[in-house]
PDB file of N, CA and C in Angstrom:
ATOM      1  N   ARG A   1      20.260  49.665   1.402  1.00  0.00           N
ATOM      2  CA  ARG A   1      21.791  49.079   2.146  1.00  0.00           C
ATOM      3  C   ARG A   1      21.807  48.277   3.018  1.00  0.00           C
ATOM      4  N   GLY A   2      22.508  47.239   3.163  1.00  0.00           N
ATOM      5  CA  GLY A   2      22.723  46.524   4.327  1.00  0.00           C
ATOM      6  C   GLY A   2      21.638  45.604   4.401  1.00  0.00           C
ATOM      7  N   LEU A   3      20.763  44.969   3.427  1.00  0.00           N
ATOM      8  CA  LEU A   3      19.799  44.047   3.611  1.00  0.00           C
ATOM      9  C   LEU A   3      20.492  42.754   4.182  1.00  0.00           C
ATOM     10  N   ASN A   4      19.933  42.026   5.044  1.00  0.00           N
ATOM     11  CA  ASN A   4      20.571  40.980   5.676  1.00  0.00           C
ATOM     12  C   ASN A   4      20.024  39.578   5.120  1.00  0.00           C
ATOM     13  N   THR A   5      20.737  39.386   3.841  1.00  0.00           N
ATOM     14  CA  THR A   5      20.146  38.032   3.464  1.00  0.00           C
ATOM     15  C   THR A   5      21.507  37.497   2.674  1.00  0.00           C
ATOM     16  N   LYS A   6      21.473  36.176   2.492  1.00  0.00           N
ATOM     17  CA  LYS A   6      22.582  35.402   1.695  1.00  0.00           C
ATOM     18  C   LYS A   6      22.252  35.232   0.619  1.00  0.00           C
ATOM     19  N   ASN A   7      21.063  34.949   0.079  1.00  0.00           N
ATOM     20  CA  ASN A   7      20.603  34.237  -1.312  1.00  0.00           C
ATOM     21  C   ASN A   7      19.526  35.179  -1.600  1.00  0.00           C
ATOM     22  N   ILE A   8      19.695  35.538  -2.905  1.00  0.00           N
ATOM     23  CA  ILE A   8      18.546  36.608  -3.538  1.00  0.00           C
ATOM     24  C   ILE A   8      18.359  35.594  -4.970  1.00  0.00           C
ATOM     25  N   ALA A   9      16.995  35.592  -5.262  1.00  0.00           N
ATOM     26  CA  ALA A   9      16.587  35.079  -6.680  1.00  0.00           C
ATOM     27  C   ALA A   9      16.006  36.179  -7.290  1.00  0.00           C
ATOM     28  N   VAL A  10      16.108  36.565  -8.370  1.00  0.00           N
ATOM     29  CA  VAL A  10      15.460  37.715  -9.075  1.00  0.00           C
ATOM     30  C   VAL A  10      14.814  36.822 -10.576  1.00  0.00           C
ATOM     31  N   ALA A  11      13.453  36.924 -10.837  1.00  0.00           N
ATOM     32  CA  ALA A  11      12.925  36.776 -12.063  1.00  0.00           C
ATOM     33  C   ALA A  11      12.620  37.983 -12.853  1.00  0.00           C
ATOM     34  N   TYR A  12      13.352  37.997 -14.156  1.00  0.00           N
ATOM     35  CA  TYR A  12      13.050  39.160 -14.869  1.00  0.00           C
ATOM     36  C   TYR A  12      12.491  38.872 -16.146  1.00  0.00           C
ATOM     37  N   GLU A  13      11.615  39.723 -16.570  1.00  0.00           N
ATOM     38  CA  GLU A  13      10.906  39.608 -18.051  1.00  0.00           C
ATOM     39  C   GLU A  13      10.697  40.888 -18.378  1.00  0.00           C
ATOM     40  N   PRO A  14      11.286  41.448 -19.567  1.00  0.00           N
ATOM     41  CA  PRO A  14      11.139  42.829 -20.234  1.00  0.00           C
ATOM     42  C   PRO A  14       9.679  43.051 -20.308  1.00  0.00           C
ATOM     43  N   VAL A  15       9.222  44.150 -19.867  1.00  0.00           N
ATOM     44  CA  VAL A  15       7.467  44.350 -20.048  1.00  0.00           C
ATOM     45  C   VAL A  15       7.193  44.474 -21.679  1.00  0.00           C
ATOM     46  N   CYS A  16       8.203  45.003 -22.397  1.00  0.00           N
ATOM     47  CA  CYS A  16       7.746  45.161 -23.781  1.00  0.00           C
ATOM     48  C   CYS A  16       7.613  43.807 -24.411  1.00  0.00           C
ATOM     49  N   ALA A  17       7.966  42.875 -23.761  1.00  0.00           N
ATOM     50  CA  ALA A  17       7.988  41.372 -24.303  1.00  0.00           C
ATOM     51  C   ALA A  17       7.017  40.369 -24.062  1.00  0.00           C
ATOM     52  N   ILE A  18       6.296  40.873 -22.940  1.00  0.00           N
ATOM     53  CA  ILE A  18       5.506  39.940 -22.292  1.00  0.00           C
ATOM     54  C   ILE A  18       4.138  39.722 -23.181  1.00  0.00           C
ATOM     55  N   GLY A  19       4.047  38.488 -23.715  1.00  0.00           N
ATOM     56  CA  GLY A  19       2.805  38.130 -24.521  1.00  0.00           C
ATOM     57  C   GLY A  19       3.045  38.564 -25.855  1.00  0.00           C
ATOM     58  N   THR A  20       4.320  39.087 -26.491  1.00  0.00           N
ATOM     59  CA  THR A  20       4.353  39.328 -27.622  1.00  0.00           C
ATOM     60  C   THR A  20       5.211  38.413 -28.433  1.00  0.00           C
ATOM     61  N   GLY A  21       5.738  37.498 -27.552  1.00  0.00           N
ATOM     62  CA  GLY A  21       6.665  36.488 -28.260  1.00  0.00           C
ATOM     63  C   GLY A  21       8.032  36.980 -28.861  1.00  0.00           C
ATOM     64  N   LYS A  22       8.098  38.402 -28.482  1.00  0.00           N
ATOM     65  CA  LYS A  22       9.559  38.968 -28.800  1.00  0.00           C
ATOM     66  C   LYS A  22      10.537  38.632 -27.759  1.00  0.00           C
ATOM     67  N   ILE A  23      12.014  38.512 -28.332  1.00  0.00           N
ATOM     68  CA  ILE A  23      12.948  38.166 -27.328  1.00  0.00           C
ATOM     69  C   ILE A  23      13.597  39.482 -27.399  1.00  0.00           C
ATOM     70  N   ALA A  24      14.632  39.820 -26.567  1.00  0.00           N
ATOM     71  CA  ALA A  24      15.447  40.767 -26.371  1.00  0.00           C
ATOM     72  C   ALA A  24      16.714  40.284 -26.980  1.00  0.00           C
ATOM     73  N   THR A  25      17.347  41.118 -27.319  1.00  0.00           N
ATOM     74  CA  THR A  25      18.880  40.839 -27.766  1.00  0.00           C
ATOM     75  C   THR A  25      19.570  40.164 -26.771  1.00  0.00           C
ATOM     76  N   VAL A  26      20.755  39.469 -27.216  1.00  0.00           N
ATOM     77  CA  VAL A  26      21.747  38.959 -26.126  1.00  0.00           C
ATOM     78  C   VAL A  26      22.306  40.088 -25.387  1.00  0.00           C
ATOM     79  N   GLU A  27      22.651  40.991 -26.341  1.00  0.00           N
ATOM     80  CA  GLU A  27      23.176  42.418 -25.549  1.00  0.00           C
ATOM     81  C   GLU A  27      22.407  43.024 -24.815  1.00  0.00           C
ATOM     82  N   GLN A  28      21.050  43.225 -25.043  1.00  0.00           N
ATOM     83  CA  GLN A  28      20.176  43.844 -24.106  1.00  0.00           C
ATOM     84  C   GLN A  28      20.021  43.047 -22.989  1.00  0.00           C
ATOM     85  N   ILE A  29      19.937  41.590 -22.833  1.00  0.00           N
ATOM     86  CA  ILE A  29      19.830  40.609 -21.938  1.00  0.00           C
ATOM     87  C   ILE A  29      20.978  40.901 -20.999  1.00  0.00           C
ATOM     88  N   ALA A  30      22.245  41.025 -21.457  1.00  0.00           N
ATOM     89  CA  ALA A  30      23.493  41.176 -20.821  1.00  0.00           C
ATOM     90  C   ALA A  30      23.510  42.417 -20.111  1.00  0.00           C
ATOM     91  N   ASP A  31      23.031  43.630 -20.479  1.00  0.00           N
ATOM     92  CA  ASP A  31      23.087  44.904 -19.936  1.00  0.00           C
ATOM     93  C   ASP A  31      22.152  44.644 -18.751  1.00  0.00           C
ATOM     94  N   ILE A  32      20.933  44.332 -18.979  1.00  0.00           N
ATOM     95  CA  ILE A  32      19.922  44.387 -17.868  1.00  0.00           C
ATOM     96  C   ILE A  32      20.383  43.394 -16.637  1.00  0.00           C
ATOM     97  N   HIS A  33      20.681  42.083 -16.967  1.00  0.00           N
ATOM     98  CA  HIS A  33      21.207  41.363 -16.079  1.00  0.00           C
ATOM     99  C   HIS A  33      22.613  41.677 -14.897  1.00  0.00           C
ATOM    100  N   THR A  34      23.476  42.270 -15.571  1.00  0.00           N
ATOM    101  CA  THR A  34      24.616  42.987 -15.106  1.00  0.00           C
ATOM    102  C   THR A  34      24.037  44.060 -14.215  1.00  0.00           C
ATOM    103  N   PHE A  35      23.169  45.054 -14.911  1.00  0.00           N
ATOM    104  CA  PHE A  35      22.604  45.965 -14.014  1.00  0.00           C
ATOM    105  C   PHE A  35      21.954  45.445 -12.557  1.00  0.00           C
ATOM    106  N   ILE A  36      20.948  44.482 -12.848  1.00  0.00           N
ATOM    107  CA  ILE A  36      20.351  43.660 -11.665  1.00  0.00           C
ATOM    108  C   ILE A  36      21.403  43.320 -10.628  1.00  0.00           C
ATOM    109  N   TYR A  37      22.441  42.658 -11.171  1.00  0.00           N
ATOM    110  CA  TYR A  37      23.252  41.902 -10.228  1.00  0.00           C
ATOM    111  C   TYR A  37      24.138  42.949  -9.596  1.00  0.00           C
ATOM    112  N   LYS A  38      24.447  44.118 -10.383  1.00  0.00           N
ATOM    113  CA  LYS A  38      25.482  44.952  -9.471  1.00  0.00           C
ATOM    114  C   LYS A  38      24.479  45.668  -8.669  1.00  0.00           C
ATOM    115  N   GLU A  39      23.463  45.945  -8.968  1.00  0.00           N
ATOM    116  CA  GLU A  39      22.312  46.580  -7.834  1.00  0.00           C
ATOM    117  C   GLU A  39      22.201  45.479  -6.419  1.00  0.00           C
ATOM    118  N   ILE A  40      21.953  44.583  -6.888  1.00  0.00           N
ATOM    119  CA  ILE A  40      21.793  43.522  -5.613  1.00  0.00           C
ATOM    120  C   ILE A  40      23.128  43.383  -4.788  1.00  0.00           C
ATOM    121  N   LEU A  41      24.350  43.393  -5.576  1.00  0.00           N
ATOM    122  CA  LEU A  41      25.503  43.337  -4.782  1.00  0.00           C
ATOM    123  C   LEU A  41      25.602  44.770  -3.834  1.00  0.00           C
ATOM    124  N   SER A  42      25.349  45.881  -4.557  1.00  0.00           N
ATOM    125  CA  SER A  42      25.312  47.214  -3.846  1.00  0.00           C
ATOM    126  C   SER A  42      24.203  47.212  -2.666  1.00  0.00           C
ATOM    127  N   LEU A  43      23.039  46.513  -2.532  1.00  0.00           N
ATOM    128  CA  LEU A  43      22.319  46.514  -1.534  1.00  0.00           C
ATOM    129  C   LEU A  43      22.709  45.452  -0.417  1.00  0.00           C
ATOM    130  N   CYS A  44      23.236  44.193  -0.986  1.00  0.00           N
ATOM    131  CA  CYS A  44      23.524  43.285   0.002  1.00  0.00           C
ATOM    132  C   CYS A  44      24.951  42.930   0.359  1.00  0.00           C
ATOM    133  N   GLY A  45      25.704  43.346  -0.310  1.00  0.00           N
ATOM    134  CA  GLY A  45      27.229  43.036   0.198  1.00  0.00           C
ATOM    135  C   GLY A  45      27.609  42.023  -1.117  1.00  0.00           C
ATOM    136  N   SER A  46      28.947  41.897  -0.749  1.00  0.00           N
ATOM    137  CA  SER A  46      29.677  40.984  -1.842  1.00  0.00           C
ATOM    138  C   SER A  46      29.497  39.530  -1.620  1.00  0.00           C
ATOM    139  N   ASP A  47      28.864  39.003  -0.609  1.00  0.00           N
ATOM    140  CA  ASP A  47      28.884  37.763  -0.205  1.00  0.00           C
ATOM    141  C   ASP A  47      27.659  37.091  -0.354  1.00  0.00           C
ATOM    142  N   VAL A  48      26.815  37.736  -1.025  1.00  0.00           N
ATOM    143  CA  VAL A  48      25.459  37.408  -1.236  1.00  0.00           C
ATOM    144  C   VAL A  48      25.442  36.674  -2.541  1.00  0.00           C
ATOM    145  N   LYS A  49      24.472  35.382  -2.368  1.00  0.00           N
ATOM    146  CA  LYS A  49      24.809  34.455  -3.824  1.00  0.00           C
ATOM    147  C   LYS A  49      23.376  35.165  -4.484  1.00  0.00           C
ATOM    148  N   ILE A  50      23.620  35.453  -5.886  1.00  0.00           N
ATOM    149  CA  ILE A  50      22.533  35.745  -6.607  1.00  0.00           C
ATOM    150  C   ILE A  50      22.326  35.058  -7.883  1.00  0.00           C
ATOM    151  N   ARG A  51      20.987  34.701  -8.140  1.00  0.00           N
ATOM    152  CA  ARG A  51      20.493  34.019  -9.190  1.00  0.00           C
ATOM    153  C   ARG A  51      19.396  35.001 -10.002  1.00  0.00           C
ATOM    154  N   VAL A  52      19.890  35.449 -11.139  1.00  0.00           N
ATOM    155  CA  VAL A  52      18.732  36.188 -12.015  1.00  0.00           C
ATOM    156  C   VAL A  52      18.226  35.287 -13.337  1.00  0.00           C
ATOM    157  N   LEU A  53      17.330  34.946 -13.364  1.00  0.00           N
ATOM    158  CA  LEU A  53      16.493  34.331 -14.189  1.00  0.00           C
ATOM    159  C   LEU A  53      15.717  35.084 -15.445  1.00  0.00           C
ATOM    160  N   TYR A  54      15.899  34.842 -16.487  1.00  0.00           N
ATOM    161  CA  TYR A  54      15.417  35.552 -17.587  1.00  0.00           C
ATOM    162  C   TYR A  54      14.165  34.605 -18.105  1.00  0.00           C
ATOM    163  N   GLY A  55      13.206  35.561 -18.402  1.00  0.00           N
ATOM    164  CA  GLY A  55      11.809  35.122 -19.143  1.00  0.00           C
ATOM    165  C   GLY A  55      11.644  35.715 -20.074  1.00  0.00           C
ATOM    166  N   VAL A  56      10.573  35.347 -21.011  1.00  0.00           N
ATOM    167  CA  VAL A  56      10.004  35.614 -22.346  1.00  0.00           C
ATOM    168  C   VAL A  56      10.645  34.754 -23.429  1.00  0.00           C
ATOM    169  N   SER A  57       9.907  33.965 -24.165  1.00  0.00           N
ATOM    170  CA  SER A  57      10.330  33.257 -25.190  1.00  0.00           C
ATOM    171  C   SER A  57      11.454  32.584 -25.251  1.00  0.00           C
ATOM    172  N   VAL A  58      11.910  31.805 -24.031  1.00  0.00           N
ATOM    173  CA  VAL A  58      12.860  31.104 -23.863  1.00  0.00           C
ATOM    174  C   VAL A  58      12.388  29.618 -24.640  1.00  0.00           C
ATOM    175  N   LYS A  59      13.138  28.981 -25.685  1.00  0.00           N
ATOM    176  CA  LYS A  59      12.823  28.294 -26.144  1.00  0.00           C
ATOM    177  C   LYS A  59      13.973  27.175 -26.388  1.00  0.00           C
ATOM    178  N   ALA A  60      13.804  25.911 -26.913  1.00  0.00           N
ATOM    179  CA  ALA A  60      14.998  24.937 -27.159  1.00  0.00           C
ATOM    180  C   ALA A  60      15.992  25.668 -28.184  1.00  0.00           C
ATOM    181  N   ASP A  61      15.530  26.538 -29.080  1.00  0.00           N
ATOM    182  CA  ASP A  61      16.246  26.947 -30.213  1.00  0.00           C
ATOM    183  C   ASP A  61      17.077  28.120 -29.627  1.00  0.00           C
ATOM    184  N   ASN A  62      16.662  28.817 -28.695  1.00  0.00           N
ATOM    185  CA  ASN A  62      17.639  30.080 -28.261  1.00  0.00           C
ATOM    186  C   ASN A  62      18.009  30.091 -26.726  1.00  0.00           C
ATOM    187  N   ALA A  63      17.707  28.810 -26.154  1.00  0.00           N
ATOM    188  CA  ALA A  63      18.021  28.843 -24.745  1.00  0.00           C
ATOM    189  C   ALA A  63      19.519  28.721 -24.570  1.00  0.00           C
ATOM    190  N   ALA A  64      20.513  28.096 -25.357  1.00  0.00           N
ATOM    191  CA  ALA A  64      21.712  28.163 -25.169  1.00  0.00           C
ATOM    192  C   ALA A  64      22.450  29.312 -25.391  1.00  0.00           C
ATOM    193  N   ASP A  65      22.083  30.299 -26.064  1.00  0.00           N
ATOM    194  CA  ASP A  65      22.469  31.745 -26.472  1.00  0.00           C
ATOM    195  C   ASP A  65      22.134  32.410 -25.207  1.00  0.00           C
ATOM    196  N   ILE A  66      20.895  32.350 -24.804  1.00  0.00           N
ATOM    197  CA  ILE A  66      20.620  33.116 -23.412  1.00  0.00           C
ATOM    198  C   ILE A  66      21.314  32.791 -22.428  1.00  0.00           C
ATOM    199  N   PHE A  67      21.559  31.499 -22.068  1.00  0.00           N
ATOM    200  CA  PHE A  67      22.251  31.094 -20.913  1.00  0.00           C
ATOM    201  C   PHE A  67      23.614  31.267 -21.071  1.00  0.00           C
ATOM    202  N   ALA A  68      24.135  31.616 -22.024  1.00  0.00           N
ATOM    203  CA  ALA A  68      25.729  32.003 -22.319  1.00  0.00           C
ATOM    204  C   ALA A  68      25.837  33.085 -21.754  1.00  0.00           C
ATOM    205  N   VAL A  69      24.910  34.268 -21.681  1.00  0.00           N
ATOM    206  CA  VAL A  69      25.082  35.476 -21.018  1.00  0.00           C
ATOM    207  C   VAL A  69      25.512  35.575 -19.829  1.00  0.00           C
ATOM    208  N   PRO A  70      26.534  36.305 -19.533  1.00  0.00           N
ATOM    209  CA  PRO A  70      26.934  36.343 -17.932  1.00  0.00           C
ATOM    210  C   PRO A  70      25.643  36.983 -17.232  1.00  0.00           C
ATOM    211  N   HIS A  71      25.631  36.191 -15.782  1.00  0.00           N
ATOM    212  CA  HIS A  71      24.419  36.378 -15.109  1.00  0.00           C
ATOM    213  C   HIS A  71      23.062  36.033 -15.310  1.00  0.00           C
ATOM    214  N   VAL A  72      23.096  35.313 -16.513  1.00  0.00           N
ATOM    215  CA  VAL A  72      21.686  34.722 -16.468  1.00  0.00           C
ATOM    216  C   VAL A  72      21.663  33.143 -15.968  1.00  0.00           C
ATOM    217  N   ASP A  73      21.111  33.127 -14.790  1.00  0.00           N
ATOM    218  CA  ASP A  73      21.333  31.682 -14.109  1.00  0.00           C
ATOM    219  C   ASP A  73      20.301  30.861 -14.421  1.00  0.00           C
ATOM    220  N   GLY A  74      19.203  31.135 -15.123  1.00  0.00           N
ATOM    221  CA  GLY A  74      18.290  30.244 -15.382  1.00  0.00           C
ATOM    222  C   GLY A  74      16.950  31.011 -16.138  1.00  0.00           C
ATOM    223  N   ALA A  75      15.874  30.267 -16.340  1.00  0.00           N
ATOM    224  CA  ALA A  75      14.691  30.885 -17.298  1.00  0.00           C
ATOM    225  C   ALA A  75      13.556  30.675 -16.605  1.00  0.00           C
ATOM    226  N   LEU A  76      12.612  31.387 -16.789  1.00  0.00           N
ATOM    227  CA  LEU A  76      11.265  31.114 -16.659  1.00  0.00           C
ATOM    228  C   LEU A  76      10.654  30.677 -17.978  1.00  0.00           C
ATOM    229  N   VAL A  77      10.265  29.341 -18.107  1.00  0.00           N
ATOM    230  CA  VAL A  77       9.689  28.932 -19.310  1.00  0.00           C
ATOM    231  C   VAL A  77       8.274  28.548 -19.176  1.00  0.00           C
ATOM    232  N   GLY A  78       7.384  29.253 -20.135  1.00  0.00           N
ATOM    233  CA  GLY A  78       6.094  29.455 -20.090  1.00  0.00           C
ATOM    234  C   GLY A  78       5.478  28.329 -21.095  1.00  0.00           C
ATOM    235  N   GLY A  79       5.270  28.943 -22.092  1.00  0.00           N
ATOM    236  CA  GLY A  79       4.431  28.251 -23.259  1.00  0.00           C
ATOM    237  C   GLY A  79       5.484  27.276 -24.159  1.00  0.00           C
ATOM    238  N   ALA A  80       6.738  27.422 -23.955  1.00  0.00           N
ATOM    239  CA  ALA A  80       7.915  26.139 -24.705  1.00  0.00           C
ATOM    240  C   ALA A  80       7.771  25.144 -23.797  1.00  0.00           C
ATOM    241  N   SER A  81       7.262  25.018 -22.510  1.00  0.00           N
ATOM    242  CA  SER A  81       7.361  24.013 -21.788  1.00  0.00           C
ATOM    243  C   SER A  81       6.418  22.896 -22.017  1.00  0.00           C
TER     244      SER A  81
END
């Protein structure tokens, strides 16, 4: 509690998907990103600016769906880049 910071960026990749090419469902992505966001708020306070980036198999054909998920603020793009 009480971390003295105004900006936090978190990059999240589900361990089960790394290197497999599998992607979490939109619902799974929403659940974990909401959890991460709430945890940071509880540690840093409500005035912190949070960016949570999703990684694993983000490609041109699924990026719009992933970016539409609340609290998904960007992506880690690897092989698709």
